[in-house]
Amino acid sequence: MPAATTKTDLLATTEAEFSKLTRLLDRVPVAAQTLPDAGAEGTTLKDTVGHRAHWIDLFLGWYKAGPTGAQVAIPAPGYKWNDLKRYNADLRIAQQDMTWDDARDLLEANHKRLLTFLNALSETDLYGAPMKGGNSKWTTGRWAEAAGAAHYRSAAKYIRARLRAFEATHCD
């Protein structure tokens, strides 16, 4: 459920969730950063950070393409929403050479890009109508929250669970 319905709320929730995520990422032990999960996908915490950074970039691309009248490929060219498992697996492959520090730097940079974007738009731009090219009733603000604050929140939840499991198996 979206928390923000105004620009002020969106900026506040985006900053708050990013701050929580950053504090959590600062606590991740080196040994846990690239340890694959026990599931079949083998996702690492580094993959999770890179994924969140990437989705901000996707959103900003969707927004930019929308007003041009071009076909906006959401979530990405060649993928539909029901292809997300395949997309995320392909993204992990594309980002496989990314280090933990690279992923953290990309997340920081894309978060700053998102804030710059949000600050440049008016309340009406964010919440006055569906996002052009979004092919849904979602406003630009709602899409921005999904790519930013909501993704930060879900990443933090996943990382906390992974850290609990890591600590349970790696404590002396």
N, C-alpha and C. Protein backbone atom coordinates (compact mmCIF):
# COMPACT_ATOMS: atom_id res chain seq x y z
N MET A 1 0.86 -1.17 0.00
CA MET A 1 0.00 0.00 0.00
C MET A 1 0.90 1.23 0.00
N PRO A 2 0.65 2.16 -0.89
CA PRO A 2 1.50 3.35 -0.92
C PRO A 2 1.29 4.20 0.34
N ALA A 3 2.37 4.73 0.84
CA ALA A 3 2.29 5.57 2.03
C ALA A 3 2.14 7.03 1.65
N ALA A 4 2.69 7.42 0.52
CA ALA A 4 2.73 8.83 0.16
C ALA A 4 1.61 9.20 -0.82
N THR A 5 1.03 10.37 -0.58
CA THR A 5 0.03 10.91 -1.51
C THR A 5 0.35 12.36 -1.86
N THR A 6 1.45 12.86 -1.30
CA THR A 6 1.90 14.21 -1.61
C THR A 6 3.41 14.19 -1.86
N LYS A 7 3.90 15.22 -2.50
CA LYS A 7 5.33 15.33 -2.76
C LYS A 7 6.11 15.33 -1.44
N THR A 8 5.63 16.08 -0.47
CA THR A 8 6.31 16.16 0.83
C THR A 8 6.40 14.78 1.47
N ASP A 9 5.29 14.04 1.46
CA ASP A 9 5.28 12.69 2.04
C ASP A 9 6.19 11.74 1.25
N LEU A 10 6.17 11.87 -0.07
CA LEU A 10 6.99 11.01 -0.91
C LEU A 10 8.47 11.23 -0.62
N LEU A 11 8.88 12.48 -0.56
CA LEU A 11 10.28 12.78 -0.25
C LEU A 11 10.66 12.27 1.14
N ALA A 12 9.78 12.47 2.10
CA ALA A 12 10.06 12.04 3.47
C ALA A 12 10.17 10.52 3.56
N THR A 13 9.24 9.79 2.96
CA THR A 13 9.29 8.33 3.04
C THR A 13 10.46 7.77 2.25
N THR A 14 10.79 8.40 1.13
CA THR A 14 11.93 7.95 0.33
C THR A 14 13.21 8.10 1.14
N GLU A 15 13.39 9.26 1.76
CA GLU A 15 14.59 9.50 2.57
C GLU A 15 14.63 8.58 3.79
N ALA A 16 13.50 8.42 4.47
CA ALA A 16 13.46 7.59 5.67
C ALA A 16 13.79 6.14 5.35
N GLU A 17 13.18 5.60 4.31
CA GLU A 17 13.43 4.19 3.96
C GLU A 17 14.85 3.99 3.46
N PHE A 18 15.40 4.97 2.73
CA PHE A 18 16.78 4.86 2.27
C PHE A 18 17.74 4.90 3.46
N SER A 19 17.46 5.76 4.41
CA SER A 19 18.30 5.86 5.60
C SER A 19 18.30 4.55 6.39
N LYS A 20 17.12 3.95 6.57
CA LYS A 20 17.03 2.65 7.26
C LYS A 20 17.83 1.58 6.51
N LEU A 21 17.67 1.56 5.20
CA LEU A 21 18.38 0.57 4.39
C LEU A 21 19.89 0.78 4.48
N THR A 22 20.32 2.02 4.39
CA THR A 22 21.75 2.32 4.45
C THR A 22 22.35 1.90 5.78
N ARG A 23 21.67 2.19 6.88
CA ARG A 23 22.15 1.77 8.20
C ARG A 23 22.27 0.25 8.26
N LEU A 24 21.32 -0.44 7.69
CA LEU A 24 21.35 -1.90 7.67
C LEU A 24 22.52 -2.41 6.80
N LEU A 25 22.69 -1.82 5.63
CA LEU A 25 23.78 -2.23 4.75
C LEU A 25 25.14 -2.01 5.40
N ASP A 26 25.26 -0.99 6.20
CA ASP A 26 26.51 -0.71 6.91
C ASP A 26 26.88 -1.82 7.90
N ARG A 27 25.89 -2.60 8.33
CA ARG A 27 26.11 -3.69 9.30
C ARG A 27 26.37 -5.04 8.66
N VAL A 28 26.26 -5.13 7.35
CA VAL A 28 26.40 -6.44 6.68
C VAL A 28 27.86 -6.88 6.74
N PRO A 29 28.13 -8.03 7.36
CA PRO A 29 29.50 -8.54 7.40
C PRO A 29 29.99 -8.88 5.99
N VAL A 30 31.27 -8.72 5.77
CA VAL A 30 31.86 -9.00 4.47
C VAL A 30 31.50 -10.42 4.01
N ALA A 31 31.55 -11.36 4.91
CA ALA A 31 31.28 -12.76 4.54
C ALA A 31 29.84 -12.98 4.08
N ALA A 32 28.94 -12.10 4.46
CA ALA A 32 27.53 -12.24 4.07
C ALA A 32 27.19 -11.50 2.78
N GLN A 33 28.03 -10.59 2.34
CA GLN A 33 27.72 -9.72 1.22
C GLN A 33 27.49 -10.47 -0.09
N THR A 34 28.24 -11.50 -0.33
CA THR A 34 28.13 -12.23 -1.59
C THR A 34 27.82 -13.72 -1.38
N LEU A 35 27.29 -14.04 -0.23
CA LEU A 35 26.89 -15.41 0.08
C LEU A 35 25.53 -15.69 -0.55
N PRO A 36 25.45 -16.68 -1.45
CA PRO A 36 24.15 -16.98 -2.08
C PRO A 36 23.13 -17.48 -1.06
N ASP A 37 21.87 -17.13 -1.29
CA ASP A 37 20.83 -17.65 -0.41
C ASP A 37 20.65 -19.15 -0.65
N ALA A 38 19.92 -19.78 0.24
CA ALA A 38 19.74 -21.23 0.15
C ALA A 38 18.77 -21.64 -0.95
N GLY A 39 18.05 -20.69 -1.50
CA GLY A 39 17.06 -20.99 -2.54
C GLY A 39 17.71 -21.31 -3.87
N ALA A 40 16.89 -21.73 -4.79
CA ALA A 40 17.37 -22.14 -6.11
C ALA A 40 17.97 -20.98 -6.89
N GLU A 41 17.55 -19.75 -6.58
CA GLU A 41 18.03 -18.59 -7.33
C GLU A 41 19.44 -18.18 -6.93
N GLY A 42 19.86 -18.50 -5.70
CA GLY A 42 21.20 -18.17 -5.26
C GLY A 42 21.48 -16.68 -5.18
N THR A 43 20.48 -15.90 -4.84
CA THR A 43 20.62 -14.45 -4.75
C THR A 43 21.53 -14.07 -3.58
N THR A 44 22.40 -13.10 -3.81
CA THR A 44 23.26 -12.58 -2.75
C THR A 44 22.72 -11.23 -2.28
N LEU A 45 23.22 -10.78 -1.15
CA LEU A 45 22.83 -9.45 -0.69
C LEU A 45 23.33 -8.38 -1.65
N LYS A 46 24.49 -8.62 -2.24
CA LYS A 46 25.01 -7.70 -3.27
C LYS A 46 24.04 -7.63 -4.44
N ASP A 47 23.48 -8.78 -4.84
CA ASP A 47 22.49 -8.80 -5.92
C ASP A 47 21.27 -7.97 -5.56
N THR A 48 20.84 -8.06 -4.32
CA THR A 48 19.67 -7.32 -3.86
C THR A 48 19.91 -5.82 -3.95
N VAL A 49 21.08 -5.38 -3.54
CA VAL A 49 21.42 -3.96 -3.60
C VAL A 49 21.49 -3.50 -5.06
N GLY A 50 22.16 -4.27 -5.91
CA GLY A 50 22.25 -3.93 -7.32
C GLY A 50 20.89 -3.88 -7.99
N HIS A 51 20.03 -4.81 -7.62
CA HIS A 51 18.67 -4.87 -8.16
C HIS A 51 17.90 -3.60 -7.83
N ARG A 52 17.96 -3.16 -6.56
CA ARG A 52 17.23 -1.96 -6.16
C ARG A 52 17.75 -0.73 -6.90
N ALA A 53 19.05 -0.64 -7.06
CA ALA A 53 19.63 0.49 -7.81
C ALA A 53 19.15 0.47 -9.25
N HIS A 54 19.13 -0.70 -9.84
CA HIS A 54 18.73 -0.85 -11.24
C HIS A 54 17.28 -0.42 -11.47
N TRP A 55 16.38 -0.75 -10.55
CA TRP A 55 14.97 -0.43 -10.75
C TRP A 55 14.70 1.07 -10.69
N ILE A 56 15.52 1.81 -9.96
CA ILE A 56 15.39 3.27 -9.99
C ILE A 56 15.69 3.75 -11.40
N ASP A 57 16.75 3.22 -11.98
CA ASP A 57 17.13 3.59 -13.35
C ASP A 57 16.02 3.22 -14.34
N LEU A 58 15.43 2.05 -14.17
CA LEU A 58 14.31 1.66 -15.04
C LEU A 58 13.18 2.68 -14.95
N PHE A 59 12.77 3.01 -13.72
CA PHE A 59 11.68 3.97 -13.52
C PHE A 59 11.99 5.30 -14.19
N LEU A 60 13.18 5.83 -13.98
CA LEU A 60 13.53 7.11 -14.59
C LEU A 60 13.48 7.03 -16.11
N GLY A 61 13.85 5.90 -16.67
CA GLY A 61 13.75 5.69 -18.11
C GLY A 61 12.31 5.65 -18.58
N TRP A 62 11.44 4.99 -17.82
CA TRP A 62 10.02 4.94 -18.17
C TRP A 62 9.44 6.35 -18.21
N TYR A 63 9.76 7.12 -17.18
CA TYR A 63 9.23 8.48 -17.10
C TYR A 63 9.71 9.32 -18.28
N LYS A 64 10.96 9.22 -18.60
CA LYS A 64 11.54 10.00 -19.70
C LYS A 64 10.92 9.62 -21.04
N ALA A 65 10.68 8.33 -21.25
CA ALA A 65 10.14 7.86 -22.53
C ALA A 65 8.64 8.15 -22.68
N GLY A 66 7.91 8.19 -21.58
CA GLY A 66 6.45 8.35 -21.64
C GLY A 66 5.95 9.51 -22.47
N PRO A 67 6.42 10.73 -22.21
CA PRO A 67 5.91 11.89 -22.95
C PRO A 67 6.32 11.93 -24.42
N THR A 68 7.30 11.13 -24.81
CA THR A 68 7.76 11.15 -26.21
C THR A 68 6.79 10.45 -27.13
N GLY A 69 5.87 9.68 -26.55
CA GLY A 69 4.94 8.91 -27.36
C GLY A 69 5.51 7.56 -27.76
N ALA A 70 6.77 7.32 -27.40
CA ALA A 70 7.39 6.02 -27.70
C ALA A 70 6.73 4.94 -26.86
N GLN A 71 6.77 3.73 -27.35
CA GLN A 71 6.27 2.60 -26.58
C GLN A 71 7.18 2.40 -25.38
N VAL A 72 6.63 2.52 -24.18
CA VAL A 72 7.42 2.35 -22.96
C VAL A 72 7.38 0.87 -22.58
N ALA A 73 8.54 0.27 -22.55
CA ALA A 73 8.65 -1.15 -22.22
C ALA A 73 8.76 -1.30 -20.70
N ILE A 74 7.63 -1.60 -20.08
CA ILE A 74 7.59 -1.80 -18.63
C ILE A 74 7.27 -3.26 -18.37
N PRO A 75 8.13 -3.98 -17.68
CA PRO A 75 9.26 -3.48 -16.92
C PRO A 75 10.52 -3.21 -17.74
N ALA A 76 10.74 -3.93 -18.83
CA ALA A 76 11.94 -3.71 -19.66
C ALA A 76 11.69 -4.32 -21.04
N PRO A 77 12.44 -3.86 -22.04
CA PRO A 77 12.25 -4.42 -23.39
C PRO A 77 12.41 -5.95 -23.39
N GLY A 78 11.42 -6.61 -23.96
CA GLY A 78 11.45 -8.07 -24.06
C GLY A 78 10.90 -8.80 -22.84
N TYR A 79 10.40 -8.07 -21.86
CA TYR A 79 9.89 -8.68 -20.63
C TYR A 79 8.50 -8.12 -20.30
N LYS A 80 7.68 -8.97 -19.73
CA LYS A 80 6.38 -8.56 -19.20
C LYS A 80 6.44 -8.77 -17.69
N TRP A 81 5.43 -8.27 -16.99
CA TRP A 81 5.42 -8.41 -15.53
C TRP A 81 5.50 -9.86 -15.10
N ASN A 82 4.92 -10.76 -15.87
CA ASN A 82 4.98 -12.17 -15.47
C ASN A 82 6.33 -12.82 -15.80
N ASP A 83 7.26 -12.04 -16.36
CA ASP A 83 8.62 -12.50 -16.66
C ASP A 83 9.64 -12.02 -15.62
N LEU A 84 9.19 -11.51 -14.49
CA LEU A 84 10.12 -10.89 -13.55
C LEU A 84 11.18 -11.86 -13.03
N LYS A 85 10.83 -13.12 -12.80
CA LYS A 85 11.84 -14.08 -12.34
C LYS A 85 12.97 -14.18 -13.37
N ARG A 86 12.60 -14.28 -14.62
CA ARG A 86 13.60 -14.37 -15.69
C ARG A 86 14.38 -13.06 -15.80
N TYR A 87 13.68 -11.94 -15.71
CA TYR A 87 14.35 -10.64 -15.78
C TYR A 87 15.37 -10.50 -14.66
N ASN A 88 14.94 -10.83 -13.44
CA ASN A 88 15.84 -10.69 -12.30
C ASN A 88 17.03 -11.64 -12.41
N ALA A 89 16.82 -12.84 -12.94
CA ALA A 89 17.93 -13.77 -13.16
C ALA A 89 18.89 -13.19 -14.20
N ASP A 90 18.34 -12.61 -15.26
CA ASP A 90 19.19 -12.00 -16.29
C ASP A 90 19.94 -10.79 -15.72
N LEU A 91 19.30 -10.04 -14.84
CA LEU A 91 19.95 -8.90 -14.21
C LEU A 91 21.11 -9.37 -13.32
N ARG A 92 20.89 -10.45 -12.57
CA ARG A 92 21.98 -10.98 -11.73
C ARG A 92 23.18 -11.36 -12.60
N ILE A 93 22.93 -11.94 -13.75
CA ILE A 93 24.02 -12.29 -14.66
C ILE A 93 24.71 -11.03 -15.17
N ALA A 94 23.93 -10.04 -15.55
CA ALA A 94 24.49 -8.79 -16.07
C ALA A 94 25.32 -8.06 -15.01
N GLN A 95 24.94 -8.23 -13.73
CA GLN A 95 25.64 -7.54 -12.65
C GLN A 95 26.61 -8.46 -11.90
N GLN A 96 26.92 -9.62 -12.46
CA GLN A 96 27.72 -10.59 -11.71
C GLN A 96 29.12 -10.10 -11.37
N ASP A 97 29.69 -9.22 -12.15
CA ASP A 97 31.03 -8.71 -11.87
C ASP A 97 31.02 -7.49 -10.96
N MET A 98 29.84 -7.05 -10.59
CA MET A 98 29.69 -5.91 -9.68
C MET A 98 30.12 -6.34 -8.28
N THR A 99 30.90 -5.51 -7.62
CA THR A 99 31.29 -5.79 -6.24
C THR A 99 30.25 -5.21 -5.29
N TRP A 100 30.39 -5.55 -4.01
CA TRP A 100 29.53 -4.97 -2.97
C TRP A 100 29.63 -3.45 -2.99
N ASP A 101 30.86 -2.94 -3.05
CA ASP A 101 31.05 -1.49 -3.07
C ASP A 101 30.47 -0.87 -4.33
N ASP A 102 30.60 -1.54 -5.47
CA ASP A 102 30.00 -1.05 -6.71
C ASP A 102 28.48 -0.95 -6.57
N ALA A 103 27.88 -1.99 -6.00
CA ALA A 103 26.42 -2.02 -5.82
C ALA A 103 25.98 -0.91 -4.87
N ARG A 104 26.71 -0.73 -3.78
CA ARG A 104 26.38 0.34 -2.83
C ARG A 104 26.51 1.71 -3.47
N ASP A 105 27.59 1.90 -4.25
CA ASP A 105 27.79 3.19 -4.93
C ASP A 105 26.69 3.46 -5.95
N LEU A 106 26.29 2.42 -6.69
CA LEU A 106 25.22 2.58 -7.68
C LEU A 106 23.89 2.92 -6.99
N LEU A 107 23.62 2.25 -5.88
CA LEU A 107 22.39 2.54 -5.14
C LEU A 107 22.40 3.99 -4.64
N GLU A 108 23.51 4.42 -4.10
CA GLU A 108 23.63 5.80 -3.60
C GLU A 108 23.44 6.79 -4.75
N ALA A 109 24.11 6.55 -5.87
CA ALA A 109 24.01 7.45 -7.02
C ALA A 109 22.59 7.50 -7.56
N ASN A 110 21.94 6.35 -7.69
CA ASN A 110 20.59 6.34 -8.24
C ASN A 110 19.58 6.91 -7.26
N HIS A 111 19.83 6.73 -5.97
CA HIS A 111 18.96 7.36 -4.97
C HIS A 111 19.04 8.89 -5.12
N LYS A 112 20.25 9.41 -5.28
CA LYS A 112 20.42 10.86 -5.48
C LYS A 112 19.72 11.31 -6.76
N ARG A 113 19.81 10.52 -7.82
CA ARG A 113 19.11 10.85 -9.07
C ARG A 113 17.61 10.89 -8.83
N LEU A 114 17.10 9.92 -8.07
CA LEU A 114 15.67 9.87 -7.77
C LEU A 114 15.25 11.11 -7.00
N LEU A 115 16.02 11.50 -5.99
CA LEU A 115 15.67 12.69 -5.21
C LEU A 115 15.71 13.95 -6.07
N THR A 116 16.71 14.06 -6.92
CA THR A 116 16.79 15.21 -7.83
C THR A 116 15.56 15.26 -8.72
N PHE A 117 15.18 14.11 -9.24
CA PHE A 117 13.99 13.99 -10.08
C PHE A 117 12.75 14.43 -9.32
N LEU A 118 12.55 13.89 -8.12
CA LEU A 118 11.36 14.20 -7.34
C LEU A 118 11.31 15.67 -6.97
N ASN A 119 12.43 16.23 -6.60
CA ASN A 119 12.47 17.64 -6.22
C ASN A 119 12.16 18.56 -7.39
N ALA A 120 12.45 18.12 -8.61
CA ALA A 120 12.22 18.94 -9.80
C ALA A 120 10.76 18.95 -10.24
N LEU A 121 9.97 18.01 -9.77
CA LEU A 121 8.56 17.92 -10.18
C LEU A 121 7.64 18.61 -9.19
N SER A 122 6.52 19.06 -9.71
CA SER A 122 5.51 19.68 -8.86
C SER A 122 4.59 18.61 -8.28
N GLU A 123 3.77 19.03 -7.34
CA GLU A 123 2.76 18.15 -6.76
C GLU A 123 1.86 17.58 -7.87
N THR A 124 1.46 18.44 -8.79
CA THR A 124 0.61 18.02 -9.90
C THR A 124 1.33 17.04 -10.81
N ASP A 125 2.61 17.30 -11.08
CA ASP A 125 3.39 16.36 -11.91
C ASP A 125 3.43 14.98 -11.27
N LEU A 126 3.53 14.94 -9.96
CA LEU A 126 3.67 13.67 -9.25
C LEU A 126 2.34 12.95 -9.03
N TYR A 127 1.30 13.72 -8.71
CA TYR A 127 0.05 13.08 -8.29
C TYR A 127 -1.20 13.54 -9.03
N GLY A 128 -1.04 14.35 -10.06
CA GLY A 128 -2.20 14.92 -10.74
C GLY A 128 -2.85 14.04 -11.79
N ALA A 129 -2.13 13.04 -12.28
CA ALA A 129 -2.66 12.18 -13.34
C ALA A 129 -1.78 10.93 -13.45
N PRO A 130 -2.28 9.91 -14.14
CA PRO A 130 -1.43 8.74 -14.37
C PRO A 130 -0.15 9.13 -15.12
N MET A 131 0.92 8.39 -14.84
CA MET A 131 2.19 8.65 -15.51
C MET A 131 2.06 8.32 -16.99
N LYS A 132 2.48 9.25 -17.85
CA LYS A 132 2.44 9.02 -19.29
C LYS A 132 3.34 7.84 -19.63
N GLY A 133 2.79 6.92 -20.40
CA GLY A 133 3.54 5.74 -20.80
C GLY A 133 3.50 4.62 -19.78
N GLY A 134 2.92 4.90 -18.61
CA GLY A 134 2.88 3.91 -17.54
C GLY A 134 1.87 2.80 -17.76
N ASN A 135 0.96 3.01 -18.70
CA ASN A 135 -0.05 2.01 -19.05
C ASN A 135 -0.86 1.52 -17.84
N SER A 136 -1.09 2.43 -16.88
CA SER A 136 -1.90 2.08 -15.72
C SER A 136 -2.46 3.37 -15.12
N LYS A 137 -3.19 3.23 -14.05
CA LYS A 137 -3.74 4.39 -13.35
C LYS A 137 -2.74 4.98 -12.36
N TRP A 138 -1.58 4.35 -12.23
CA TRP A 138 -0.60 4.83 -11.26
C TRP A 138 -0.05 6.19 -11.66
N THR A 139 0.04 7.07 -10.67
CA THR A 139 0.65 8.38 -10.89
C THR A 139 2.18 8.23 -10.90
N THR A 140 2.84 9.27 -11.35
CA THR A 140 4.30 9.29 -11.32
C THR A 140 4.80 9.11 -9.89
N GLY A 141 4.13 9.75 -8.94
CA GLY A 141 4.52 9.60 -7.54
C GLY A 141 4.41 8.18 -7.05
N ARG A 142 3.36 7.49 -7.48
CA ARG A 142 3.18 6.09 -7.07
C ARG A 142 4.28 5.22 -7.67
N TRP A 143 4.59 5.44 -8.95
CA TRP A 143 5.68 4.69 -9.60
C TRP A 143 7.00 4.98 -8.89
N ALA A 144 7.23 6.25 -8.55
CA ALA A 144 8.48 6.64 -7.88
C ALA A 144 8.60 5.97 -6.52
N GLU A 145 7.49 5.89 -5.81
CA GLU A 145 7.52 5.22 -4.51
C GLU A 145 7.81 3.73 -4.67
N ALA A 146 7.23 3.13 -5.69
CA ALA A 146 7.48 1.70 -5.93
C ALA A 146 8.95 1.44 -6.24
N ALA A 147 9.55 2.32 -7.02
CA ALA A 147 10.96 2.15 -7.41
C ALA A 147 11.92 2.55 -6.31
N GLY A 148 11.48 3.43 -5.41
CA GLY A 148 12.34 3.93 -4.35
C GLY A 148 11.97 3.36 -3.00
N ALA A 149 11.15 4.08 -2.25
CA ALA A 149 10.85 3.74 -0.86
C ALA A 149 10.35 2.31 -0.67
N ALA A 150 9.43 1.87 -1.49
CA ALA A 150 8.89 0.51 -1.33
C ALA A 150 9.97 -0.53 -1.61
N HIS A 151 10.81 -0.28 -2.59
CA HIS A 151 11.91 -1.21 -2.88
C HIS A 151 12.94 -1.19 -1.76
N TYR A 152 13.20 -0.03 -1.19
CA TYR A 152 14.14 0.03 -0.05
C TYR A 152 13.59 -0.77 1.12
N ARG A 153 12.28 -0.62 1.38
CA ARG A 153 11.63 -1.31 2.48
C ARG A 153 11.68 -2.83 2.29
N SER A 154 11.38 -3.30 1.09
CA SER A 154 11.40 -4.74 0.85
C SER A 154 12.82 -5.28 0.88
N ALA A 155 13.79 -4.51 0.41
CA ALA A 155 15.19 -4.94 0.49
C ALA A 155 15.61 -5.07 1.94
N ALA A 156 15.25 -4.11 2.77
CA ALA A 156 15.63 -4.16 4.18
C ALA A 156 15.02 -5.38 4.87
N LYS A 157 13.78 -5.68 4.55
CA LYS A 157 13.12 -6.85 5.14
C LYS A 157 13.87 -8.13 4.74
N TYR A 158 14.19 -8.27 3.48
CA TYR A 158 14.91 -9.44 2.99
C TYR A 158 16.30 -9.53 3.62
N ILE A 159 17.00 -8.41 3.69
CA ILE A 159 18.36 -8.39 4.23
C ILE A 159 18.35 -8.73 5.72
N ARG A 160 17.39 -8.18 6.46
CA ARG A 160 17.30 -8.52 7.89
C ARG A 160 17.11 -10.03 8.08
N ALA A 161 16.25 -10.63 7.27
CA ALA A 161 16.03 -12.08 7.37
C ALA A 161 17.30 -12.84 7.03
N ARG A 162 17.99 -12.42 5.98
CA ARG A 162 19.24 -13.08 5.59
C ARG A 162 20.30 -12.92 6.67
N LEU A 163 20.36 -11.75 7.30
CA LEU A 163 21.35 -11.54 8.36
C LEU A 163 21.05 -12.39 9.59
N ARG A 164 19.77 -12.54 9.93
CA ARG A 164 19.40 -13.42 11.05
C ARG A 164 19.86 -14.85 10.77
N ALA A 165 19.62 -15.32 9.55
CA ALA A 165 20.03 -16.68 9.18
C ALA A 165 21.55 -16.79 9.18
N PHE A 166 22.22 -15.79 8.69
CA PHE A 166 23.69 -15.79 8.65
C PHE A 166 24.26 -15.83 10.06
N GLU A 167 23.73 -14.98 10.92
CA GLU A 167 24.22 -14.92 12.29
C GLU A 167 23.95 -16.23 13.04
N ALA A 168 22.82 -16.87 12.76
CA ALA A 168 22.51 -18.14 13.40
C ALA A 168 23.48 -19.25 13.02
N THR A 169 24.01 -19.17 11.83
CA THR A 169 24.91 -20.24 11.36
C THR A 169 26.39 -19.86 11.45
N HIS A 170 26.69 -18.60 11.73
CA HIS A 170 28.08 -18.17 11.74
C HIS A 170 28.54 -17.60 13.08
N CYS A 171 27.76 -17.83 14.13
CA CYS A 171 28.17 -17.37 15.45
C CYS A 171 29.04 -18.42 16.10
N ASP A 172 29.99 -17.95 16.87
CA ASP A 172 30.90 -18.89 17.58
C ASP A 172 30.27 -19.39 18.84
